Amino acid sequence: MDYEFILKADSRFAFISFCFAYKNYKAGKKINLPIWLDATCSGIQHFATMRKDEELAISVNVISNPQDPDKVQDIYSEMIEPTHKKLKEISNQDPSKFKLGMVKLNRKLIKPSIMTRTYNVTVKRVANQLTTSLEKYTR
């Protein structure tokens, strides 16, 4: 196994476990690897379905995008630009919050806030999640 490649994995031990299981699978051996469900934004998927919101359903892969049916959508990445725009707007309106306009958002930073909001996490808690994440990225 390539050490540098393993270090790039978000969950290194889960990745290594998968590598060994895959090696055994290719050799025709029995594998024992726990599988957890990794739905695409399941809370938002339920919300889109209940509201019959076609645009949101496309963004969270409930239905295929008619323009590109094979493309997997990623609502977290889609939300980076509108969120950045809103932060910039807030920083322009209130000079004491000028640092908000300089935040460089990415998918990893924004995902927890978007994902947990559908599970009734308060706006205050979302702000705390973002603050904690930003503190980690700015150290």
N, C-alpha and C. Protein backbone atom coordinates (compact mmCIF):
# COMPACT_ATOMS: atom_id res chain seq x y z
N MET A 1 0.84 -1.18 0.00
CA MET A 1 0.00 0.00 0.00
C MET A 1 0.88 1.24 0.00
N ASP A 2 0.45 2.24 -0.71
CA ASP A 2 1.18 3.50 -0.81
C ASP A 2 0.87 4.36 0.41
N TYR A 3 1.86 4.59 1.25
CA TYR A 3 1.71 5.33 2.49
C TYR A 3 1.15 6.74 2.26
N GLU A 4 1.70 7.44 1.28
CA GLU A 4 1.24 8.81 0.98
C GLU A 4 -0.23 8.81 0.55
N PHE A 5 -0.64 7.83 -0.21
CA PHE A 5 -2.02 7.72 -0.66
C PHE A 5 -2.96 7.50 0.53
N ILE A 6 -2.56 6.64 1.47
CA ILE A 6 -3.36 6.36 2.67
C ILE A 6 -3.54 7.62 3.50
N LEU A 7 -2.49 8.42 3.61
CA LEU A 7 -2.56 9.64 4.42
C LEU A 7 -3.57 10.65 3.88
N LYS A 8 -3.94 10.54 2.62
CA LYS A 8 -4.92 11.46 2.02
C LYS A 8 -6.36 11.08 2.37
N ALA A 9 -6.58 9.88 2.87
CA ALA A 9 -7.93 9.40 3.19
C ALA A 9 -8.47 10.13 4.41
N ASP A 10 -9.77 10.47 4.38
CA ASP A 10 -10.41 11.12 5.52
C ASP A 10 -10.45 10.19 6.72
N SER A 11 -10.77 8.93 6.49
CA SER A 11 -10.84 7.92 7.57
C SER A 11 -9.82 6.84 7.24
N ARG A 12 -8.61 7.04 7.70
CA ARG A 12 -7.49 6.17 7.30
C ARG A 12 -7.70 4.71 7.66
N PHE A 13 -8.17 4.44 8.88
CA PHE A 13 -8.33 3.05 9.29
C PHE A 13 -9.45 2.37 8.50
N ALA A 14 -10.52 3.09 8.25
CA ALA A 14 -11.61 2.53 7.44
C ALA A 14 -11.11 2.25 6.03
N PHE A 15 -10.28 3.14 5.49
CA PHE A 15 -9.73 2.96 4.15
C PHE A 15 -8.80 1.75 4.10
N ILE A 16 -7.93 1.63 5.09
CA ILE A 16 -7.02 0.48 5.13
C ILE A 16 -7.81 -0.81 5.26
N SER A 17 -8.84 -0.80 6.09
CA SER A 17 -9.70 -1.98 6.24
C SER A 17 -10.33 -2.35 4.91
N PHE A 18 -10.80 -1.33 4.19
CA PHE A 18 -11.36 -1.58 2.86
C PHE A 18 -10.31 -2.18 1.93
N CYS A 19 -9.10 -1.66 1.96
CA CYS A 19 -8.04 -2.16 1.07
C CYS A 19 -7.78 -3.65 1.30
N PHE A 20 -7.68 -4.04 2.57
CA PHE A 20 -7.47 -5.45 2.88
C PHE A 20 -8.67 -6.30 2.44
N ALA A 21 -9.88 -5.80 2.68
CA ALA A 21 -11.09 -6.53 2.28
C ALA A 21 -11.13 -6.67 0.76
N TYR A 22 -10.77 -5.62 0.05
CA TYR A 22 -10.78 -5.67 -1.41
C TYR A 22 -9.74 -6.67 -1.93
N LYS A 23 -8.59 -6.67 -1.30
CA LYS A 23 -7.54 -7.63 -1.68
C LYS A 23 -8.06 -9.06 -1.51
N ASN A 24 -8.73 -9.33 -0.38
CA ASN A 24 -9.30 -10.66 -0.15
C ASN A 24 -10.41 -10.97 -1.15
N TYR A 25 -11.23 -9.99 -1.46
CA TYR A 25 -12.30 -10.17 -2.44
C TYR A 25 -11.72 -10.56 -3.80
N LYS A 26 -10.69 -9.85 -4.23
CA LYS A 26 -10.05 -10.14 -5.52
C LYS A 26 -9.42 -11.53 -5.53
N ALA A 27 -9.02 -12.01 -4.35
CA ALA A 27 -8.42 -13.34 -4.25
C ALA A 27 -9.48 -14.42 -4.06
N GLY A 28 -10.76 -14.02 -4.07
CA GLY A 28 -11.85 -14.98 -3.93
C GLY A 28 -12.10 -15.43 -2.51
N LYS A 29 -11.53 -14.71 -1.55
CA LYS A 29 -11.70 -15.07 -0.14
C LYS A 29 -12.92 -14.36 0.44
N LYS A 30 -13.40 -14.90 1.55
CA LYS A 30 -14.52 -14.30 2.27
C LYS A 30 -14.04 -12.99 2.90
N ILE A 31 -14.89 -12.00 2.85
CA ILE A 31 -14.53 -10.74 3.49
C ILE A 31 -15.53 -10.40 4.59
N ASN A 32 -15.05 -9.70 5.57
CA ASN A 32 -15.87 -9.22 6.68
C ASN A 32 -15.60 -7.74 6.85
N LEU A 33 -16.42 -6.95 6.24
CA LEU A 33 -16.24 -5.51 6.30
C LEU A 33 -17.58 -4.86 6.60
N PRO A 34 -17.68 -4.16 7.72
CA PRO A 34 -18.96 -3.51 8.01
C PRO A 34 -19.26 -2.43 6.97
N ILE A 35 -20.50 -2.33 6.61
CA ILE A 35 -20.92 -1.33 5.64
C ILE A 35 -21.95 -0.44 6.31
N TRP A 36 -21.73 0.84 6.26
CA TRP A 36 -22.72 1.76 6.78
C TRP A 36 -23.33 2.49 5.59
N LEU A 37 -24.57 2.87 5.76
CA LEU A 37 -25.28 3.53 4.68
C LEU A 37 -24.76 4.94 4.53
N ASP A 38 -24.36 5.28 3.35
CA ASP A 38 -23.90 6.64 3.07
C ASP A 38 -24.85 7.25 2.05
N ALA A 39 -25.95 7.76 2.55
CA ALA A 39 -26.93 8.39 1.66
C ALA A 39 -26.44 9.78 1.29
N THR A 40 -26.93 10.28 0.21
CA THR A 40 -26.58 11.62 -0.22
C THR A 40 -27.56 12.59 0.43
N CYS A 41 -27.16 13.22 1.50
CA CYS A 41 -28.00 14.23 2.16
C CYS A 41 -29.38 13.69 2.49
N SER A 42 -29.46 12.60 3.21
CA SER A 42 -30.75 11.93 3.40
C SER A 42 -31.81 12.83 4.02
N GLY A 43 -31.46 13.67 4.97
CA GLY A 43 -32.45 14.58 5.55
C GLY A 43 -33.00 15.54 4.50
N ILE A 44 -32.12 16.08 3.69
CA ILE A 44 -32.55 17.00 2.63
C ILE A 44 -33.31 16.23 1.56
N GLN A 45 -32.95 14.98 1.31
CA GLN A 45 -33.68 14.16 0.35
C GLN A 45 -35.13 13.98 0.80
N HIS A 46 -35.33 13.68 2.07
CA HIS A 46 -36.69 13.52 2.59
C HIS A 46 -37.47 14.83 2.47
N PHE A 47 -36.80 15.91 2.81
CA PHE A 47 -37.42 17.23 2.73
C PHE A 47 -37.84 17.56 1.30
N ALA A 48 -36.95 17.30 0.34
CA ALA A 48 -37.25 17.58 -1.07
C ALA A 48 -38.43 16.74 -1.55
N THR A 49 -38.47 15.49 -1.12
CA THR A 49 -39.55 14.59 -1.53
C THR A 49 -40.88 15.03 -0.93
N MET A 50 -40.88 15.34 0.36
CA MET A 50 -42.13 15.77 1.01
C MET A 50 -42.68 17.06 0.40
N ARG A 51 -41.78 17.96 0.03
CA ARG A 51 -42.20 19.24 -0.55
C ARG A 51 -42.45 19.16 -2.05
N LYS A 52 -42.10 18.01 -2.64
CA LYS A 52 -42.19 17.83 -4.09
C LYS A 52 -41.42 18.93 -4.82
N ASP A 53 -40.24 19.23 -4.27
CA ASP A 53 -39.37 20.28 -4.79
C ASP A 53 -38.39 19.64 -5.78
N GLU A 54 -38.70 19.76 -7.06
CA GLU A 54 -37.91 19.09 -8.09
C GLU A 54 -36.48 19.60 -8.16
N GLU A 55 -36.30 20.91 -8.04
CA GLU A 55 -34.95 21.47 -8.11
C GLU A 55 -34.08 20.96 -6.96
N LEU A 56 -34.64 20.94 -5.76
CA LEU A 56 -33.90 20.42 -4.61
C LEU A 56 -33.67 18.92 -4.75
N ALA A 57 -34.67 18.20 -5.25
CA ALA A 57 -34.54 16.75 -5.45
C ALA A 57 -33.40 16.42 -6.41
N ILE A 58 -33.22 17.24 -7.42
CA ILE A 58 -32.10 17.05 -8.35
C ILE A 58 -30.78 17.32 -7.63
N SER A 59 -30.73 18.37 -6.81
CA SER A 59 -29.50 18.75 -6.10
C SER A 59 -29.04 17.69 -5.11
N VAL A 60 -29.97 16.84 -4.63
CA VAL A 60 -29.59 15.81 -3.65
C VAL A 60 -29.79 14.40 -4.20
N ASN A 61 -29.85 14.28 -5.52
CA ASN A 61 -29.84 13.00 -6.22
C ASN A 61 -31.06 12.12 -5.98
N VAL A 62 -32.21 12.73 -5.65
CA VAL A 62 -33.45 11.95 -5.56
C VAL A 62 -33.91 11.62 -6.96
N ILE A 63 -33.77 12.59 -7.85
CA ILE A 63 -34.06 12.37 -9.28
C ILE A 63 -32.87 12.84 -10.09
N SER A 64 -32.72 12.30 -11.27
CA SER A 64 -31.59 12.64 -12.14
C SER A 64 -31.76 14.04 -12.72
N ASN A 65 -30.64 14.66 -12.96
CA ASN A 65 -30.63 15.94 -13.63
C ASN A 65 -30.91 15.69 -15.11
N PRO A 66 -32.00 16.25 -15.67
CA PRO A 66 -32.33 15.99 -17.07
C PRO A 66 -31.22 16.39 -18.05
N GLN A 67 -30.43 17.43 -17.70
CA GLN A 67 -29.35 17.87 -18.59
C GLN A 67 -28.14 16.94 -18.55
N ASP A 68 -27.96 16.25 -17.43
CA ASP A 68 -26.80 15.36 -17.28
C ASP A 68 -27.16 14.22 -16.33
N PRO A 69 -27.92 13.23 -16.81
CA PRO A 69 -28.45 12.17 -15.94
C PRO A 69 -27.40 11.33 -15.22
N ASP A 70 -26.18 11.29 -15.72
CA ASP A 70 -25.14 10.47 -15.07
C ASP A 70 -24.34 11.23 -14.02
N LYS A 71 -24.54 12.53 -13.94
CA LYS A 71 -23.77 13.34 -13.01
C LYS A 71 -24.35 13.24 -11.60
N VAL A 72 -23.48 12.99 -10.63
CA VAL A 72 -23.88 12.97 -9.23
C VAL A 72 -23.81 14.41 -8.72
N GLN A 73 -24.91 14.88 -8.18
CA GLN A 73 -24.99 16.25 -7.69
C GLN A 73 -24.37 16.35 -6.30
N ASP A 74 -23.98 17.55 -5.90
CA ASP A 74 -23.38 17.77 -4.60
C ASP A 74 -23.87 19.11 -4.05
N ILE A 75 -24.93 19.06 -3.25
CA ILE A 75 -25.53 20.30 -2.74
C ILE A 75 -24.56 21.08 -1.85
N TYR A 76 -23.67 20.38 -1.16
CA TYR A 76 -22.73 21.09 -0.29
C TYR A 76 -21.82 21.99 -1.12
N SER A 77 -21.31 21.49 -2.22
CA SER A 77 -20.48 22.32 -3.09
C SER A 77 -21.30 23.43 -3.75
N GLU A 78 -22.56 23.12 -4.08
CA GLU A 78 -23.43 24.14 -4.68
C GLU A 78 -23.68 25.30 -3.73
N MET A 79 -23.63 25.04 -2.43
CA MET A 79 -23.96 26.07 -1.44
C MET A 79 -22.77 26.95 -1.06
N ILE A 80 -21.58 26.64 -1.53
CA ILE A 80 -20.40 27.43 -1.18
C ILE A 80 -20.55 28.87 -1.67
N GLU A 81 -20.86 29.06 -2.93
CA GLU A 81 -20.93 30.41 -3.50
C GLU A 81 -22.05 31.25 -2.88
N PRO A 82 -23.31 30.74 -2.78
CA PRO A 82 -24.34 31.57 -2.16
C PRO A 82 -24.04 31.91 -0.69
N THR A 83 -23.42 30.98 0.02
CA THR A 83 -23.07 31.24 1.42
C THR A 83 -21.99 32.29 1.51
N HIS A 84 -20.99 32.17 0.63
CA HIS A 84 -19.92 33.17 0.60
C HIS A 84 -20.49 34.55 0.27
N LYS A 85 -21.41 34.60 -0.66
CA LYS A 85 -22.05 35.86 -1.05
C LYS A 85 -22.76 36.50 0.15
N LYS A 86 -23.47 35.68 0.92
CA LYS A 86 -24.19 36.17 2.10
C LYS A 86 -23.21 36.66 3.17
N LEU A 87 -22.12 35.93 3.38
CA LEU A 87 -21.12 36.36 4.35
C LEU A 87 -20.51 37.70 3.94
N LYS A 88 -20.26 37.85 2.65
CA LYS A 88 -19.71 39.09 2.12
C LYS A 88 -20.69 40.25 2.36
N GLU A 89 -21.96 39.96 2.11
CA GLU A 89 -23.01 40.97 2.31
C GLU A 89 -23.06 41.40 3.79
N ILE A 90 -22.99 40.45 4.70
CA ILE A 90 -23.00 40.76 6.13
C ILE A 90 -21.79 41.59 6.50
N SER A 91 -20.62 41.21 5.97
CA SER A 91 -19.40 41.94 6.31
C SER A 91 -19.43 43.36 5.74
N ASN A 92 -20.07 43.56 4.61
CA ASN A 92 -20.19 44.91 4.03
C ASN A 92 -21.16 45.78 4.82
N GLN A 93 -22.19 45.17 5.40
CA GLN A 93 -23.19 45.92 6.16
C GLN A 93 -22.70 46.27 7.56
N ASP A 94 -21.85 45.44 8.12
CA ASP A 94 -21.38 45.64 9.49
C ASP A 94 -19.86 45.56 9.51
N PRO A 95 -19.18 46.71 9.53
CA PRO A 95 -17.71 46.72 9.49
C PRO A 95 -17.04 45.90 10.60
N SER A 96 -17.73 45.69 11.73
CA SER A 96 -17.13 44.90 12.80
C SER A 96 -17.04 43.41 12.42
N LYS A 97 -17.73 43.04 11.36
CA LYS A 97 -17.72 41.65 10.91
C LYS A 97 -16.97 41.50 9.59
N PHE A 98 -16.00 42.37 9.35
CA PHE A 98 -15.29 42.37 8.07
C PHE A 98 -14.58 41.06 7.77
N LYS A 99 -14.19 40.32 8.80
CA LYS A 99 -13.48 39.05 8.58
C LYS A 99 -14.36 38.00 7.90
N LEU A 100 -15.69 38.11 8.08
CA LEU A 100 -16.58 37.15 7.43
C LEU A 100 -16.42 37.17 5.92
N GLY A 101 -16.18 38.35 5.37
CA GLY A 101 -16.01 38.47 3.92
C GLY A 101 -14.73 37.85 3.40
N MET A 102 -13.80 37.54 4.30
CA MET A 102 -12.52 36.96 3.89
C MET A 102 -12.48 35.45 4.06
N VAL A 103 -13.55 34.86 4.60
CA VAL A 103 -13.58 33.42 4.83
C VAL A 103 -13.55 32.68 3.49
N LYS A 104 -12.68 31.71 3.40
CA LYS A 104 -12.59 30.85 2.21
C LYS A 104 -13.33 29.56 2.51
N LEU A 105 -14.56 29.48 2.06
CA LEU A 105 -15.38 28.30 2.32
C LEU A 105 -14.97 27.14 1.42
N ASN A 106 -15.14 25.94 1.93
CA ASN A 106 -14.96 24.74 1.12
C ASN A 106 -16.02 23.73 1.55
N ARG A 107 -16.10 22.65 0.85
CA ARG A 107 -17.14 21.64 1.09
C ARG A 107 -17.06 21.08 2.51
N LYS A 108 -15.85 20.76 2.95
CA LYS A 108 -15.66 20.16 4.26
C LYS A 108 -16.10 21.11 5.38
N LEU A 109 -15.89 22.38 5.17
CA LEU A 109 -16.25 23.38 6.17
C LEU A 109 -17.76 23.60 6.24
N ILE A 110 -18.42 23.62 5.11
CA ILE A 110 -19.83 23.98 5.05
C ILE A 110 -20.78 22.80 5.28
N LYS A 111 -20.32 21.60 5.00
CA LYS A 111 -21.20 20.42 5.06
C LYS A 111 -21.90 20.21 6.41
N PRO A 112 -21.19 20.22 7.55
CA PRO A 112 -21.88 19.94 8.81
C PRO A 112 -23.05 20.88 9.09
N SER A 113 -22.87 22.14 8.76
CA SER A 113 -23.94 23.11 9.02
C SER A 113 -25.16 22.87 8.15
N ILE A 114 -24.95 22.58 6.90
CA ILE A 114 -26.08 22.32 5.99
C ILE A 114 -26.75 21.00 6.35
N MET A 115 -25.94 20.00 6.60
CA MET A 115 -26.47 18.66 6.87
C MET A 115 -27.31 18.64 8.15
N THR A 116 -26.82 19.24 9.22
CA THR A 116 -27.52 19.16 10.49
C THR A 116 -28.69 20.13 10.59
N ARG A 117 -28.73 21.12 9.76
CA ARG A 117 -29.85 22.09 9.81
C ARG A 117 -31.17 21.37 9.51
N THR A 118 -31.16 20.39 8.64
CA THR A 118 -32.40 19.66 8.32
C THR A 118 -32.86 18.79 9.47
N TYR A 119 -31.99 18.55 10.44
CA TYR A 119 -32.37 17.77 11.61
C TYR A 119 -32.72 18.67 12.79
N ASN A 120 -33.16 19.88 12.47
CA ASN A 120 -33.66 20.83 13.44
C ASN A 120 -32.59 21.41 14.35
N VAL A 121 -31.36 21.47 13.88
CA VAL A 121 -30.32 22.15 14.63
C VAL A 121 -30.61 23.64 14.54
N THR A 122 -30.48 24.33 15.66
CA THR A 122 -30.81 25.75 15.68
C THR A 122 -29.79 26.57 14.89
N VAL A 123 -30.20 27.75 14.49
CA VAL A 123 -29.30 28.65 13.77
C VAL A 123 -28.09 28.98 14.65
N LYS A 124 -28.34 29.13 15.95
CA LYS A 124 -27.23 29.42 16.88
C LYS A 124 -26.22 28.27 16.88
N ARG A 125 -26.71 27.03 16.87
CA ARG A 125 -25.81 25.87 16.85
C ARG A 125 -25.05 25.79 15.52
N VAL A 126 -25.73 26.13 14.44
CA VAL A 126 -25.05 26.18 13.13
C VAL A 126 -23.91 27.19 13.19
N ALA A 127 -24.19 28.36 13.77
CA ALA A 127 -23.16 29.39 13.90
C ALA A 127 -21.99 28.87 14.75
N ASN A 128 -22.30 28.14 15.81
CA ASN A 128 -21.24 27.56 16.65
C ASN A 128 -20.42 26.53 15.88
N GLN A 129 -21.10 25.71 15.07
CA GLN A 129 -20.39 24.71 14.25
C GLN A 129 -19.42 25.42 13.30
N LEU A 130 -19.90 26.45 12.64
CA LEU A 130 -19.05 27.17 11.69
C LEU A 130 -17.89 27.85 12.41
N THR A 131 -18.17 28.45 13.55
CA THR A 131 -17.11 29.12 14.33
C THR A 131 -16.03 28.13 14.72
N THR A 132 -16.43 26.97 15.22
CA THR A 132 -15.47 25.94 15.61
C THR A 132 -14.65 25.49 14.41
N SER A 133 -15.34 25.25 13.28
CA SER A 133 -14.63 24.82 12.07
C SER A 133 -13.67 25.90 11.59
N LEU A 134 -14.11 27.13 11.60
CA LEU A 134 -13.24 28.24 11.15
C LEU A 134 -12.02 28.38 12.04
N GLU A 135 -12.21 28.19 13.33
CA GLU A 135 -11.07 28.27 14.26
C GLU A 135 -10.04 27.19 13.93
N LYS A 136 -10.49 25.99 13.58
CA LYS A 136 -9.56 24.91 13.22
C LYS A 136 -8.79 25.26 11.96
N TYR A 137 -9.49 25.88 10.98
CA TYR A 137 -8.86 26.18 9.69
C TYR A 137 -7.98 27.41 9.72
N THR A 138 -8.13 28.26 10.74
CA THR A 138 -7.35 29.49 10.77
C THR A 138 -6.18 29.44 11.74
N ARG A 139 -5.97 28.31 12.38
CA ARG A 139 -4.83 28.19 13.33
C ARG A 139 -3.54 28.06 12.61
